[in-house]
Protein backbone atom coordinates (compact mmCIF):
# COMPACT_ATOMS: atom_id res chain seq x y z
CA MET A 1 120.43 83.39 82.29
CA THR A 2 116.78 82.95 83.32
CA ASP A 3 114.56 86.11 83.77
CA TYR A 4 111.81 85.99 86.18
CA CYS A 5 108.28 87.58 85.80
CA VAL A 6 108.24 91.17 87.57
CA HIS A 7 104.70 90.33 88.75
CA CYS A 8 104.66 86.73 89.96
CA GLY A 9 108.26 85.31 89.85
CA ARG A 10 107.54 82.63 87.29
CA ILE A 11 109.98 82.02 84.60
CA ALA A 12 109.61 84.85 81.90
CA VAL A 13 109.08 84.07 78.36
CA ALA A 14 108.61 87.65 76.95
CA PHE A 15 108.89 91.33 77.60
CA ASN A 16 106.10 93.97 78.17
CA ASP A 17 106.15 97.48 76.65
CA LEU A 18 108.50 98.78 79.20
CA ASN A 19 111.01 95.81 78.72
CA GLN A 20 110.12 94.19 81.83
CA PRO A 21 110.23 90.19 81.77
CA VAL A 22 106.78 88.57 82.14
CA CYS A 23 105.39 85.20 81.98
CA PRO A 24 102.42 84.05 79.69
CA VAL A 25 99.92 84.55 82.66
CA CYS A 26 100.95 88.18 83.45
CA ARG A 27 101.70 89.23 79.87
CA SER A 28 98.54 91.27 79.63
CA LYS A 29 99.10 92.97 82.98
CA ALA A 30 100.09 96.70 83.18
CA PRO A 31 103.81 97.35 83.59
CA LYS A 32 104.92 97.23 87.08
CA GLU A 33 106.21 100.41 88.72
CA ILE A 34 108.32 100.54 91.88
CA SER A 35 110.30 103.42 93.43
CA CYS A 36 113.78 103.63 94.68
CA ASP A 37 114.24 102.86 98.24
CA ILE A 38 117.00 105.56 98.37
CA CYS A 39 115.82 108.48 96.43
CA SER A 40 112.09 107.78 95.48
CA ALA A 41 112.82 108.04 91.93
CA MET A 42 111.27 105.42 89.55
CA MET A 43 113.10 102.10 88.87
CA ILE A 44 113.46 100.75 85.50
CA VAL A 45 114.31 97.27 84.27
CA LYS A 46 117.69 96.79 82.55
CA GLN A 47 119.35 93.76 81.22
CA GLY A 48 122.58 92.45 82.51
CA LYS A 49 124.83 89.47 81.97
CA PHE A 50 123.11 87.85 85.14
CA GLY A 51 119.56 88.55 83.98
CA SER A 52 117.17 91.41 84.44
CA PHE A 53 117.51 93.78 87.20
CA TRP A 54 115.83 96.98 88.53
CA ALA A 55 117.87 100.20 88.17
CA CYS A 56 117.28 103.76 89.63
CA SER A 57 116.24 106.12 86.84
CA GLY A 58 118.19 108.75 88.93
CA TYR A 59 121.47 107.22 87.76
CA PRO A 60 124.22 108.57 88.07
CA GLN A 61 123.10 110.64 91.12
CA CYS A 62 121.67 107.40 92.65
CA ASN A 63 123.21 104.02 91.85
CA ASN A 64 120.70 101.76 93.50
CA SER A 65 119.75 98.49 91.88
CA MET A 66 118.47 95.12 92.74
CA SER A 67 117.77 91.84 90.78
CA VAL A 68 114.20 91.23 89.82
CA LYS A 69 114.24 88.07 92.02
CA LYS A 70 115.53 89.93 94.89
CA GLN A 71 112.86 92.52 94.61
CA LEU A 72 110.01 89.86 94.33
CA MET A 73 111.37 88.16 97.50
CA LYS A 74 111.38 91.47 99.35
CA ASN A 75 107.59 91.99 98.64
CA TRP A 76 106.90 88.45 99.70
CA LYS A 77 108.27 89.00 103.05
CA LYS A 78 105.91 92.03 103.66
């Protein structure tokens, strides 16, 4: 499965210190931080069988998650 850069959406080739997928251009950028839409806790990047996804750090109280690609598209619409 293809992973997408959490910063720009390009195809990722590596992971940063927080295990977030990044492309060569964004490799030196600081890790991205986003908060949960439901409980405002920090989201963390996890690896799944369909690629990387953001998961709420408040699990199991909050089970919010979204794909990295979906989160990028959400930010582009703003």
